[in-house]
Amino acid sequence: MPPHRKTAADPEPDCCVPAAVAARAVPDSAAADTQLAALAWAVAHPARVRILRILLARTACVCGELVDQMPLAQSTVSQHLKILKEAGLVQGEIDGPKVCYCVNADGLARLKELVGGL
């Protein structure tokens, strides 16, 4: 059977985004693009992705516990946490000499929304 050939009667060309997907897209704006770029940069390192996965599996985590689960120095883990915190993906709470970290659900939801809108 020969392959189907598109005709003028076909609703959408192969190269176009289906209407259902386009309807879910995040509005095209410079602010949304800038925010997506910043969030994407924050998760662009495997160690930061791993930190997010560890934190998602728990309700809270002390920095020292993260270090035990990663093959990185404490200072390196702290730097990655700082980047994630600045991007709004992680929040930290000072508890005496320790800082307890958890995922910022709103920040993670925004990342998912922006990526889903591509």
PDB file of N, CA and C in Angstrom:
ATOM      1  N   MET A   1       0.848  -1.174   0.000  1.00  0.00           N
ATOM      2  CA  MET A   1       0.000   0.000   0.000  1.00  0.00           C
ATOM      3  C   MET A   1       0.895   1.239   0.000  1.00  0.00           C
ATOM      4  N   PRO A   2       0.678   2.200  -0.891  1.00  0.00           N
ATOM      5  CA  PRO A   2       1.523   3.387  -0.949  1.00  0.00           C
ATOM      6  C   PRO A   2       1.298   4.268   0.280  1.00  0.00           C
ATOM      7  N   PRO A   3       2.322   5.056   0.673  1.00  0.00           N
ATOM      8  CA  PRO A   3       2.165   5.935   1.833  1.00  0.00           C
ATOM      9  C   PRO A   3       1.108   7.006   1.562  1.00  0.00           C
ATOM     10  N   HIS A   4       0.470   7.451   2.632  1.00  0.00           N
ATOM     11  CA  HIS A   4      -0.554   8.493   2.526  1.00  0.00           C
ATOM     12  C   HIS A   4       0.101   9.805   2.108  1.00  0.00           C
ATOM     13  N   ARG A   5      -0.495  10.468   1.166  1.00  0.00           N
ATOM     14  CA  ARG A   5       0.008  11.772   0.736  1.00  0.00           C
ATOM     15  C   ARG A   5      -0.932  12.843   1.250  1.00  0.00           C
ATOM     16  N   LYS A   6      -0.342  13.884   1.770  1.00  0.00           N
ATOM     17  CA  LYS A   6      -1.124  14.995   2.286  1.00  0.00           C
ATOM     18  C   LYS A   6      -1.830  15.712   1.149  1.00  0.00           C
ATOM     19  N   THR A   7      -3.035  16.129   1.403  1.00  0.00           N
ATOM     20  CA  THR A   7      -3.796  16.917   0.431  1.00  0.00           C
ATOM     21  C   THR A   7      -4.273  18.184   1.121  1.00  0.00           C
ATOM     22  N   ALA A   8      -4.821  19.095   0.366  1.00  0.00           N
ATOM     23  CA  ALA A   8      -5.340  20.336   0.938  1.00  0.00           C
ATOM     24  C   ALA A   8      -6.454  20.056   1.940  1.00  0.00           C
ATOM     25  N   ALA A   9      -7.105  18.922   1.819  1.00  0.00           N
ATOM     26  CA  ALA A   9      -8.197  18.575   2.731  1.00  0.00           C
ATOM     27  C   ALA A   9      -7.693  18.094   4.088  1.00  0.00           C
ATOM     28  N   ASP A  10      -6.415  17.679   4.163  1.00  0.00           N
ATOM     29  CA  ASP A  10      -5.863  17.232   5.438  1.00  0.00           C
ATOM     30  C   ASP A  10      -5.794  18.433   6.386  1.00  0.00           C
ATOM     31  N   PRO A  11      -6.146  18.230   7.664  1.00  0.00           N
ATOM     32  CA  PRO A  11      -6.252  19.360   8.584  1.00  0.00           C
ATOM     33  C   PRO A  11      -4.935  20.065   8.889  1.00  0.00           C
ATOM     34  N   GLU A  12      -3.837  19.352   9.024  1.00  0.00           N
ATOM     35  CA  GLU A  12      -2.573  19.972   9.411  1.00  0.00           C
ATOM     36  C   GLU A  12      -1.422  19.296   8.698  1.00  0.00           C
ATOM     37  N   PRO A  13      -0.454  20.074   8.227  1.00  0.00           N
ATOM     38  CA  PRO A  13       0.723  19.453   7.629  1.00  0.00           C
ATOM     39  C   PRO A  13       1.553  18.742   8.699  1.00  0.00           C
ATOM     40  N   ASP A  14       2.384  17.789   8.269  1.00  0.00           N
ATOM     41  CA  ASP A  14       3.213  17.024   9.205  1.00  0.00           C
ATOM     42  C   ASP A  14       4.134  17.907  10.039  1.00  0.00           C
ATOM     43  N   CYS A  15       4.527  19.040   9.498  1.00  0.00           N
ATOM     44  CA  CYS A  15       5.512  19.867  10.183  1.00  0.00           C
ATOM     45  C   CYS A  15       4.900  20.751  11.261  1.00  0.00           C
ATOM     46  N   CYS A  16       3.611  20.802  11.374  1.00  0.00           N
ATOM     47  CA  CYS A  16       2.956  21.705  12.319  1.00  0.00           C
ATOM     48  C   CYS A  16       2.621  21.004  13.628  1.00  0.00           C
ATOM     49  N   VAL A  17       2.546  21.807  14.675  1.00  0.00           N
ATOM     50  CA  VAL A  17       2.155  21.309  15.983  1.00  0.00           C
ATOM     51  C   VAL A  17       0.649  21.051  15.961  1.00  0.00           C
ATOM     52  N   PRO A  18       0.205  19.895  16.436  1.00  0.00           N
ATOM     53  CA  PRO A  18      -1.236  19.638  16.483  1.00  0.00           C
ATOM     54  C   PRO A  18      -1.962  20.720  17.284  1.00  0.00           C
ATOM     55  N   ALA A  19      -3.164  21.037  16.899  1.00  0.00           N
ATOM     56  CA  ALA A  19      -3.933  22.106  17.543  1.00  0.00           C
ATOM     57  C   ALA A  19      -4.094  21.871  19.042  1.00  0.00           C
ATOM     58  N   ALA A  20      -4.276  20.628  19.458  1.00  0.00           N
ATOM     59  CA  ALA A  20      -4.448  20.334  20.883  1.00  0.00           C
ATOM     60  C   ALA A  20      -3.196  20.679  21.673  1.00  0.00           C
ATOM     61  N   VAL A  21      -2.035  20.448  21.092  1.00  0.00           N
ATOM     62  CA  VAL A  21      -0.775  20.782  21.765  1.00  0.00           C
ATOM     63  C   VAL A  21      -0.587  22.288  21.777  1.00  0.00           C
ATOM     64  N   ALA A  22      -0.850  22.945  20.677  1.00  0.00           N
ATOM     65  CA  ALA A  22      -0.696  24.394  20.592  1.00  0.00           C
ATOM     66  C   ALA A  22      -1.598  25.101  21.593  1.00  0.00           C
ATOM     67  N   ALA A  23      -2.764  24.562  21.854  1.00  0.00           N
ATOM     68  CA  ALA A  23      -3.693  25.181  22.796  1.00  0.00           C
ATOM     69  C   ALA A  23      -3.150  25.156  24.218  1.00  0.00           C
ATOM     70  N   ARG A  24      -2.290  24.187  24.540  1.00  0.00           N
ATOM     71  CA  ARG A  24      -1.710  24.087  25.881  1.00  0.00           C
ATOM     72  C   ARG A  24      -0.446  24.915  26.025  1.00  0.00           C
ATOM     73  N   ALA A  25       0.044  25.480  24.956  1.00  0.00           N
ATOM     74  CA  ALA A  25       1.314  26.189  24.974  1.00  0.00           C
ATOM     75  C   ALA A  25       1.265  27.402  25.895  1.00  0.00           C
ATOM     76  N   VAL A  26       2.389  27.674  26.531  1.00  0.00           N
ATOM     77  CA  VAL A  26       2.544  28.860  27.353  1.00  0.00           C
ATOM     78  C   VAL A  26       2.605  30.058  26.413  1.00  0.00           C
ATOM     79  N   PRO A  27       1.966  31.158  26.770  1.00  0.00           N
ATOM     80  CA  PRO A  27       2.025  32.327  25.893  1.00  0.00           C
ATOM     81  C   PRO A  27       3.466  32.706  25.562  1.00  0.00           C
ATOM     82  N   ASP A  28       3.681  33.065  24.318  1.00  0.00           N
ATOM     83  CA  ASP A  28       5.006  33.442  23.849  1.00  0.00           C
ATOM     84  C   ASP A  28       5.335  34.830  24.375  1.00  0.00           C
ATOM     85  N   SER A  29       6.272  34.904  25.278  1.00  0.00           N
ATOM     86  CA  SER A  29       6.685  36.198  25.804  1.00  0.00           C
ATOM     87  C   SER A  29       8.155  36.143  26.158  1.00  0.00           C
ATOM     88  N   ALA A  30       8.774  37.294  26.115  1.00  0.00           N
ATOM     89  CA  ALA A  30      10.192  37.373  26.457  1.00  0.00           C
ATOM     90  C   ALA A  30      10.412  36.962  27.909  1.00  0.00           C
ATOM     91  N   ALA A  31       9.488  37.320  28.791  1.00  0.00           N
ATOM     92  CA  ALA A  31       9.638  36.973  30.207  1.00  0.00           C
ATOM     93  C   ALA A  31       9.586  35.461  30.409  1.00  0.00           C
ATOM     94  N   ALA A  32       8.652  34.791  29.740  1.00  0.00           N
ATOM     95  CA  ALA A  32       8.552  33.334  29.856  1.00  0.00           C
ATOM     96  C   ALA A  32       9.788  32.666  29.277  1.00  0.00           C
ATOM     97  N   ASP A  33      10.292  33.192  28.158  1.00  0.00           N
ATOM     98  CA  ASP A  33      11.499  32.631  27.550  1.00  0.00           C
ATOM     99  C   ASP A  33      12.696  32.784  28.473  1.00  0.00           C
ATOM    100  N   THR A  34      12.815  33.945  29.102  1.00  0.00           N
ATOM    101  CA  THR A  34      13.925  34.195  30.026  1.00  0.00           C
ATOM    102  C   THR A  34      13.822  33.281  31.240  1.00  0.00           C
ATOM    103  N   GLN A  35      12.613  33.125  31.756  1.00  0.00           N
ATOM    104  CA  GLN A  35      12.423  32.257  32.917  1.00  0.00           C
ATOM    105  C   GLN A  35      12.728  30.803  32.571  1.00  0.00           C
ATOM    106  N   LEU A  36      12.279  30.353  31.417  1.00  0.00           N
ATOM    107  CA  LEU A  36      12.565  28.983  30.996  1.00  0.00           C
ATOM    108  C   LEU A  36      14.064  28.768  30.837  1.00  0.00           C
ATOM    109  N   ALA A  37      14.749  29.729  30.241  1.00  0.00           N
ATOM    110  CA  ALA A  37      16.197  29.603  30.059  1.00  0.00           C
ATOM    111  C   ALA A  37      16.911  29.504  31.405  1.00  0.00           C
ATOM    112  N   ALA A  38      16.500  30.306  32.378  1.00  0.00           N
ATOM    113  CA  ALA A  38      17.126  30.271  33.703  1.00  0.00           C
ATOM    114  C   ALA A  38      16.858  28.939  34.408  1.00  0.00           C
ATOM    115  N   LEU A  39      15.632  28.458  34.331  1.00  0.00           N
ATOM    116  CA  LEU A  39      15.301  27.177  34.963  1.00  0.00           C
ATOM    117  C   LEU A  39      15.998  26.017  34.265  1.00  0.00           C
ATOM    118  N   ALA A  40      16.061  26.084  32.940  1.00  0.00           N
ATOM    119  CA  ALA A  40      16.740  25.022  32.189  1.00  0.00           C
ATOM    120  C   ALA A  40      18.221  24.993  32.539  1.00  0.00           C
ATOM    121  N   TRP A  41      18.830  26.164  32.679  1.00  0.00           N
ATOM    122  CA  TRP A  41      20.246  26.213  33.054  1.00  0.00           C
ATOM    123  C   TRP A  41      20.436  25.601  34.441  1.00  0.00           C
ATOM    124  N   ALA A  42      19.503  25.853  35.342  1.00  0.00           N
ATOM    125  CA  ALA A  42      19.624  25.334  36.707  1.00  0.00           C
ATOM    126  C   ALA A  42      19.595  23.811  36.747  1.00  0.00           C
ATOM    127  N   VAL A  43      18.904  23.179  35.814  1.00  0.00           N
ATOM    128  CA  VAL A  43      18.841  21.714  35.801  1.00  0.00           C
ATOM    129  C   VAL A  43      19.722  21.117  34.706  1.00  0.00           C
ATOM    130  N   ALA A  44      20.615  21.924  34.169  1.00  0.00           N
ATOM    131  CA  ALA A  44      21.456  21.475  33.055  1.00  0.00           C
ATOM    132  C   ALA A  44      22.682  20.683  33.503  1.00  0.00           C
ATOM    133  N   HIS A  45      22.811  20.418  34.770  1.00  0.00           N
ATOM    134  CA  HIS A  45      23.947  19.636  35.272  1.00  0.00           C
ATOM    135  C   HIS A  45      23.409  18.362  35.923  1.00  0.00           C
ATOM    136  N   PRO A  46      23.991  17.216  35.606  1.00  0.00           N
ATOM    137  CA  PRO A  46      23.497  15.951  36.177  1.00  0.00           C
ATOM    138  C   PRO A  46      23.462  15.933  37.705  1.00  0.00           C
ATOM    139  N   ALA A  47      24.401  16.603  38.348  1.00  0.00           N
ATOM    140  CA  ALA A  47      24.403  16.622  39.816  1.00  0.00           C
ATOM    141  C   ALA A  47      23.179  17.358  40.353  1.00  0.00           C
ATOM    142  N   ARG A  48      22.774  18.429  39.683  1.00  0.00           N
ATOM    143  CA  ARG A  48      21.596  19.169  40.139  1.00  0.00           C
ATOM    144  C   ARG A  48      20.316  18.374  39.890  1.00  0.00           C
ATOM    145  N   VAL A  49      20.269  17.652  38.801  1.00  0.00           N
ATOM    146  CA  VAL A  49      19.117  16.776  38.548  1.00  0.00           C
ATOM    147  C   VAL A  49      19.057  15.705  39.633  1.00  0.00           C
ATOM    148  N   ARG A  50      20.206  15.139  39.973  1.00  0.00           N
ATOM    149  CA  ARG A  50      20.267  14.103  41.016  1.00  0.00           C
ATOM    150  C   ARG A  50      19.812  14.669  42.360  1.00  0.00           C
ATOM    151  N   ILE A  51      20.242  15.883  42.688  1.00  0.00           N
ATOM    152  CA  ILE A  51      19.823  16.521  43.941  1.00  0.00           C
ATOM    153  C   ILE A  51      18.305  16.664  43.969  1.00  0.00           C
ATOM    154  N   LEU A  52      17.724  17.126  42.875  1.00  0.00           N
ATOM    155  CA  LEU A  52      16.261  17.261  42.814  1.00  0.00           C
ATOM    156  C   LEU A  52      15.578  15.914  43.019  1.00  0.00           C
ATOM    157  N   ARG A  53      16.111  14.871  42.390  1.00  0.00           N
ATOM    158  CA  ARG A  53      15.505  13.539  42.541  1.00  0.00           C
ATOM    159  C   ARG A  53      15.594  13.050  43.992  1.00  0.00           C
ATOM    160  N   ILE A  54      16.723  13.283  44.629  1.00  0.00           N
ATOM    161  CA  ILE A  54      16.891  12.874  46.031  1.00  0.00           C
ATOM    162  C   ILE A  54      15.899  13.628  46.909  1.00  0.00           C
ATOM    163  N   LEU A  55      15.791  14.940  46.693  1.00  0.00           N
ATOM    164  CA  LEU A  55      14.883  15.747  47.506  1.00  0.00           C
ATOM    165  C   LEU A  55      13.419  15.388  47.248  1.00  0.00           C
ATOM    166  N   LEU A  56      13.088  15.058  46.017  1.00  0.00           N
ATOM    167  CA  LEU A  56      11.710  14.660  45.706  1.00  0.00           C
ATOM    168  C   LEU A  56      11.329  13.350  46.391  1.00  0.00           C
ATOM    169  N   ALA A  57      12.313  12.503  46.627  1.00  0.00           N
ATOM    170  CA  ALA A  57      12.051  11.218  47.275  1.00  0.00           C
ATOM    171  C   ALA A  57      11.874  11.366  48.787  1.00  0.00           C
ATOM    172  N   ARG A  58      12.213  12.543  49.313  1.00  0.00           N
ATOM    173  CA  ARG A  58      12.115  12.785  50.749  1.00  0.00           C
ATOM    174  C   ARG A  58      11.377  14.088  50.991  1.00  0.00           C
ATOM    175  N   THR A  59      10.949  14.304  52.210  1.00  0.00           N
ATOM    176  CA  THR A  59      10.265  15.557  52.518  1.00  0.00           C
ATOM    177  C   THR A  59      11.250  16.680  52.816  1.00  0.00           C
ATOM    178  N   ALA A  60      12.394  16.359  53.383  1.00  0.00           N
ATOM    179  CA  ALA A  60      13.433  17.346  53.667  1.00  0.00           C
ATOM    180  C   ALA A  60      14.766  16.624  53.721  1.00  0.00           C
ATOM    181  N   CYS A  61      15.820  17.363  53.590  1.00  0.00           N
ATOM    182  CA  CYS A  61      17.135  16.737  53.571  1.00  0.00           C
ATOM    183  C   CYS A  61      18.164  17.724  54.094  1.00  0.00           C
ATOM    184  N   VAL A  62      19.072  17.262  54.898  1.00  0.00           N
ATOM    185  CA  VAL A  62      20.167  18.088  55.384  1.00  0.00           C
ATOM    186  C   VAL A  62      21.302  17.992  54.382  1.00  0.00           C
ATOM    187  N   CYS A  63      22.028  19.070  54.174  1.00  0.00           N
ATOM    188  CA  CYS A  63      23.094  19.099  53.173  1.00  0.00           C
ATOM    189  C   CYS A  63      24.086  17.954  53.352  1.00  0.00           C
ATOM    190  N   GLY A  64      24.435  17.650  54.575  1.00  0.00           N
ATOM    191  CA  GLY A  64      25.372  16.562  54.824  1.00  0.00           C
ATOM    192  C   GLY A  64      24.852  15.219  54.343  1.00  0.00           C
ATOM    193  N   GLU A  65      23.548  15.005  54.445  1.00  0.00           N
ATOM    194  CA  GLU A  65      22.954  13.759  53.966  1.00  0.00           C
ATOM    195  C   GLU A  65      23.027  13.672  52.448  1.00  0.00           C
ATOM    196  N   LEU A  66      22.889  14.800  51.785  1.00  0.00           N
ATOM    197  CA  LEU A  66      23.023  14.822  50.330  1.00  0.00           C
ATOM    198  C   LEU A  66      24.437  14.443  49.923  1.00  0.00           C
ATOM    199  N   VAL A  67      25.397  14.966  50.638  1.00  0.00           N
ATOM    200  CA  VAL A  67      26.799  14.680  50.327  1.00  0.00           C
ATOM    201  C   VAL A  67      27.071  13.189  50.432  1.00  0.00           C
ATOM    202  N   ASP A  68      26.469  12.533  51.416  1.00  0.00           N
ATOM    203  CA  ASP A  68      26.662  11.093  51.588  1.00  0.00           C
ATOM    204  C   ASP A  68      26.117  10.293  50.406  1.00  0.00           C
ATOM    205  N   GLN A  69      25.152  10.851  49.690  1.00  0.00           N
ATOM    206  CA  GLN A  69      24.525  10.140  48.576  1.00  0.00           C
ATOM    207  C   GLN A  69      25.111  10.515  47.217  1.00  0.00           C
ATOM    208  N   MET A  70      26.089  11.407  47.225  1.00  0.00           N
ATOM    209  CA  MET A  70      26.665  11.858  45.959  1.00  0.00           C
ATOM    210  C   MET A  70      28.185  11.783  46.016  1.00  0.00           C
ATOM    211  N   PRO A  71      28.818  11.529  44.885  1.00  0.00           N
ATOM    212  CA  PRO A  71      30.278  11.445  44.860  1.00  0.00           C
ATOM    213  C   PRO A  71      30.927  12.821  44.685  1.00  0.00           C
ATOM    214  N   LEU A  72      30.459  13.789  45.473  1.00  0.00           N
ATOM    215  CA  LEU A  72      30.948  15.159  45.352  1.00  0.00           C
ATOM    216  C   LEU A  72      31.331  15.696  46.718  1.00  0.00           C
ATOM    217  N   ALA A  73      32.204  16.672  46.723  1.00  0.00           N
ATOM    218  CA  ALA A  73      32.589  17.331  47.967  1.00  0.00           C
ATOM    219  C   ALA A  73      31.412  18.143  48.501  1.00  0.00           C
ATOM    220  N   GLN A  74      31.416  18.378  49.808  1.00  0.00           N
ATOM    221  CA  GLN A  74      30.344  19.144  50.434  1.00  0.00           C
ATOM    222  C   GLN A  74      30.229  20.529  49.814  1.00  0.00           C
ATOM    223  N   SER A  75      31.355  21.164  49.525  1.00  0.00           N
ATOM    224  CA  SER A  75      31.320  22.509  48.939  1.00  0.00           C
ATOM    225  C   SER A  75      30.699  22.497  47.542  1.00  0.00           C
ATOM    226  N   THR A  76      30.928  21.431  46.792  1.00  0.00           N
ATOM    227  CA  THR A  76      30.352  21.312  45.444  1.00  0.00           C
ATOM    228  C   THR A  76      28.843  21.114  45.528  1.00  0.00           C
ATOM    229  N   VAL A  77      28.402  20.269  46.450  1.00  0.00           N
ATOM    230  CA  VAL A  77      26.966  20.059  46.648  1.00  0.00           C
ATOM    231  C   VAL A  77      26.313  21.374  47.073  1.00  0.00           C
ATOM    232  N   SER A  78      26.969  22.105  47.960  1.00  0.00           N
ATOM    233  CA  SER A  78      26.436  23.396  48.404  1.00  0.00           C
ATOM    234  C   SER A  78      26.300  24.374  47.245  1.00  0.00           C
ATOM    235  N   GLN A  79      27.271  24.392  46.349  1.00  0.00           N
ATOM    236  CA  GLN A  79      27.204  25.278  45.182  1.00  0.00           C
ATOM    237  C   GLN A  79      26.031  24.892  44.276  1.00  0.00           C
ATOM    238  N   HIS A  80      25.843  23.606  44.063  1.00  0.00           N
ATOM    239  CA  HIS A  80      24.709  23.155  43.249  1.00  0.00           C
ATOM    240  C   HIS A  80      23.376  23.515  43.923  1.00  0.00           C
ATOM    241  N   LEU A  81      23.305  23.363  45.240  1.00  0.00           N
ATOM    242  CA  LEU A  81      22.095  23.744  45.971  1.00  0.00           C
ATOM    243  C   LEU A  81      21.829  25.240  45.847  1.00  0.00           C
ATOM    244  N   LYS A  82      22.878  26.031  45.881  1.00  0.00           N
ATOM    245  CA  LYS A  82      22.738  27.486  45.741  1.00  0.00           C
ATOM    246  C   LYS A  82      22.120  27.833  44.386  1.00  0.00           C
ATOM    247  N   ILE A  83      22.588  27.186  43.338  1.00  0.00           N
ATOM    248  CA  ILE A  83      22.062  27.438  41.988  1.00  0.00           C
ATOM    249  C   ILE A  83      20.593  27.037  41.909  1.00  0.00           C
ATOM    250  N   LEU A  84      20.256  25.878  42.456  1.00  0.00           N
ATOM    251  CA  LEU A  84      18.866  25.423  42.453  1.00  0.00           C
ATOM    252  C   LEU A  84      17.974  26.348  43.282  1.00  0.00           C
ATOM    253  N   LYS A  85      18.506  26.845  44.391  1.00  0.00           N
ATOM    254  CA  LYS A  85      17.742  27.750  45.250  1.00  0.00           C
ATOM    255  C   LYS A  85      17.517  29.089  44.552  1.00  0.00           C
ATOM    256  N   GLU A  86      18.550  29.621  43.911  1.00  0.00           N
ATOM    257  CA  GLU A  86      18.418  30.894  43.201  1.00  0.00           C
ATOM    258  C   GLU A  86      17.412  30.793  42.054  1.00  0.00           C
ATOM    259  N   ALA A  87      17.298  29.612  41.467  1.00  0.00           N
ATOM    260  CA  ALA A  87      16.343  29.403  40.373  1.00  0.00           C
ATOM    261  C   ALA A  87      14.921  29.175  40.894  1.00  0.00           C
ATOM    262  N   GLY A  88      14.777  29.007  42.207  1.00  0.00           N
ATOM    263  CA  GLY A  88      13.457  28.794  42.783  1.00  0.00           C
ATOM    264  C   GLY A  88      12.989  27.355  42.753  1.00  0.00           C
ATOM    265  N   LEU A  89      13.906  26.430  42.492  1.00  0.00           N
ATOM    266  CA  LEU A  89      13.544  25.012  42.435  1.00  0.00           C
ATOM    267  C   LEU A  89      13.702  24.308  43.777  1.00  0.00           C
ATOM    268  N   VAL A  90      14.494  24.912  44.665  1.00  0.00           N
ATOM    269  CA  VAL A  90      14.765  24.337  45.982  1.00  0.00           C
ATOM    270  C   VAL A  90      14.622  25.458  47.004  1.00  0.00           C
ATOM    271  N   GLN A  91      14.156  25.100  48.180  1.00  0.00           N
ATOM    272  CA  GLN A  91      14.125  26.076  49.267  1.00  0.00           C
ATOM    273  C   GLN A  91      14.849  25.484  50.462  1.00  0.00           C
ATOM    274  N   GLY A  92      15.484  26.362  51.221  1.00  0.00           N
ATOM    275  CA  GLY A  92      16.236  25.916  52.381  1.00  0.00           C
ATOM    276  C   GLY A  92      15.767  26.626  53.632  1.00  0.00           C
ATOM    277  N   GLU A  93      15.826  25.903  54.738  1.00  0.00           N
ATOM    278  CA  GLU A  93      15.431  26.461  56.023  1.00  0.00           C
ATOM    279  C   GLU A  93      16.575  26.240  57.002  1.00  0.00           C
ATOM    280  N   ILE A  94      17.012  27.319  57.628  1.00  0.00           N
ATOM    281  CA  ILE A  94      18.118  27.224  58.581  1.00  0.00           C
ATOM    282  C   ILE A  94      17.599  26.592  59.863  1.00  0.00           C
ATOM    283  N   ASP A  95      18.315  25.558  60.301  1.00  0.00           N
ATOM    284  CA  ASP A  95      17.969  24.830  61.519  1.00  0.00           C
ATOM    285  C   ASP A  95      19.241  24.702  62.339  1.00  0.00           C
ATOM    286  N   GLY A  96      19.536  25.750  63.127  1.00  0.00           N
ATOM    287  CA  GLY A  96      20.787  25.779  63.883  1.00  0.00           C
ATOM    288  C   GLY A  96      21.958  25.890  62.929  1.00  0.00           C
ATOM    289  N   PRO A  97      22.943  25.003  63.053  1.00  0.00           N
ATOM    290  CA  PRO A  97      24.099  25.067  62.149  1.00  0.00           C
ATOM    291  C   PRO A  97      23.843  24.402  60.794  1.00  0.00           C
ATOM    292  N   LYS A  98      22.672  23.813  60.633  1.00  0.00           N
ATOM    293  CA  LYS A  98      22.360  23.084  59.402  1.00  0.00           C
ATOM    294  C   LYS A  98      21.330  23.849  58.574  1.00  0.00           C
ATOM    295  N   VAL A  99      21.281  23.512  57.307  1.00  0.00           N
ATOM    296  CA  VAL A  99      20.228  24.011  56.431  1.00  0.00           C
ATOM    297  C   VAL A  99      19.499  22.793  55.878  1.00  0.00           C
ATOM    298  N   CYS A 100      18.191  22.748  56.092  1.00  0.00           N
ATOM    299  CA  CYS A 100      17.373  21.655  55.568  1.00  0.00           C
ATOM    300  C   CYS A 100      16.779  22.104  54.243  1.00  0.00           C
ATOM    301  N   TYR A 101      16.947  21.298  53.220  1.00  0.00           N
ATOM    302  CA  TYR A 101      16.476  21.640  51.881  1.00  0.00           C
ATOM    303  C   TYR A 101      15.321  20.751  51.472  1.00  0.00           C
ATOM    304  N   CYS A 102      14.431  21.322  50.662  1.00  0.00           N
ATOM    305  CA  CYS A 102      13.356  20.555  50.039  1.00  0.00           C
ATOM    306  C   CYS A 102      13.048  21.190  48.687  1.00  0.00           C
ATOM    307  N   VAL A 103      12.329  20.467  47.856  1.00  0.00           N
ATOM    308  CA  VAL A 103      11.953  20.976  46.538  1.00  0.00           C
ATOM    309  C   VAL A 103      10.879  22.039  46.710  1.00  0.00           C
ATOM    310  N   ASN A 104      11.005  23.126  45.978  1.00  0.00           N
ATOM    311  CA  ASN A 104       9.975  24.154  45.930  1.00  0.00           C
ATOM    312  C   ASN A 104       8.953  23.698  44.886  1.00  0.00           C
ATOM    313  N   ALA A 105       7.810  23.217  45.342  1.00  0.00           N
ATOM    314  CA  ALA A 105       6.803  22.646  44.441  1.00  0.00           C
ATOM    315  C   ALA A 105       6.341  23.650  43.390  1.00  0.00           C
ATOM    316  N   ASP A 106       6.207  24.917  43.766  1.00  0.00           N
ATOM    317  CA  ASP A 106       5.776  25.935  42.802  1.00  0.00           C
ATOM    318  C   ASP A 106       6.814  26.131  41.705  1.00  0.00           C
ATOM    319  N   GLY A 107       8.088  26.154  42.090  1.00  0.00           N
ATOM    320  CA  GLY A 107       9.157  26.316  41.099  1.00  0.00           C
ATOM    321  C   GLY A 107       9.227  25.145  40.143  1.00  0.00           C
ATOM    322  N   LEU A 108       9.091  23.941  40.674  1.00  0.00           N
ATOM    323  CA  LEU A 108       9.122  22.748  39.828  1.00  0.00           C
ATOM    324  C   LEU A 108       7.910  22.716  38.894  1.00  0.00           C
ATOM    325  N   ALA A 109       6.756  23.116  39.407  1.00  0.00           N
ATOM    326  CA  ALA A 109       5.551  23.161  38.571  1.00  0.00           C
ATOM    327  C   ALA A 109       5.721  24.176  37.443  1.00  0.00           C
ATOM    328  N   ARG A 110       6.352  25.306  37.737  1.00  0.00           N
ATOM    329  CA  ARG A 110       6.569  26.324  36.705  1.00  0.00           C
ATOM    330  C   ARG A 110       7.511  25.797  35.626  1.00  0.00           C
ATOM    331  N   LEU A 111       8.569  25.094  36.035  1.00  0.00           N
ATOM    332  CA  LEU A 111       9.484  24.502  35.059  1.00  0.00           C
ATOM    333  C   LEU A 111       8.725  23.545  34.144  1.00  0.00           C
ATOM    334  N   LYS A 112       7.918  22.682  34.732  1.00  0.00           N
ATOM    335  CA  LYS A 112       7.138  21.725  33.937  1.00  0.00           C
ATOM    336  C   LYS A 112       6.184  22.446  32.989  1.00  0.00           C
ATOM    337  N   GLU A 113       5.554  23.506  33.471  1.00  0.00           N
ATOM    338  CA  GLU A 113       4.620  24.275  32.639  1.00  0.00           C
ATOM    339  C   GLU A 113       5.340  24.906  31.448  1.00  0.00           C
ATOM    340  N   LEU A 114       6.491  25.511  31.709  1.00  0.00           N
ATOM    341  CA  LEU A 114       7.228  26.180  30.636  1.00  0.00           C
ATOM    342  C   LEU A 114       7.761  25.186  29.611  1.00  0.00           C
ATOM    343  N   VAL A 115       8.288  24.064  30.084  1.00  0.00           N
ATOM    344  CA  VAL A 115       8.787  23.046  29.155  1.00  0.00           C
ATOM    345  C   VAL A 115       7.623  22.450  28.368  1.00  0.00           C
ATOM    346  N   GLY A 116       6.517  22.213  29.042  1.00  0.00           N
ATOM    347  CA  GLY A 116       5.346  21.662  28.376  1.00  0.00           C
ATOM    348  C   GLY A 116       4.766  22.597  27.325  1.00  0.00           C
ATOM    349  N   GLY A 117       5.058  23.879  27.458  1.00  0.00           N
ATOM    350  CA  GLY A 117       4.538  24.855  26.514  1.00  0.00           C
ATOM    351  C   GLY A 117       5.388  25.050  25.284  1.00  0.00           C
ATOM    352  N   LEU A 118       6.453  24.287  25.166  1.00  0.00           N
ATOM    353  CA  LEU A 118       7.303  24.422  23.969  1.00  0.00           C
ATOM    354  C   LEU A 118       6.613  23.844  22.755  1.00  0.00           C
TER     355      LEU A 118
END
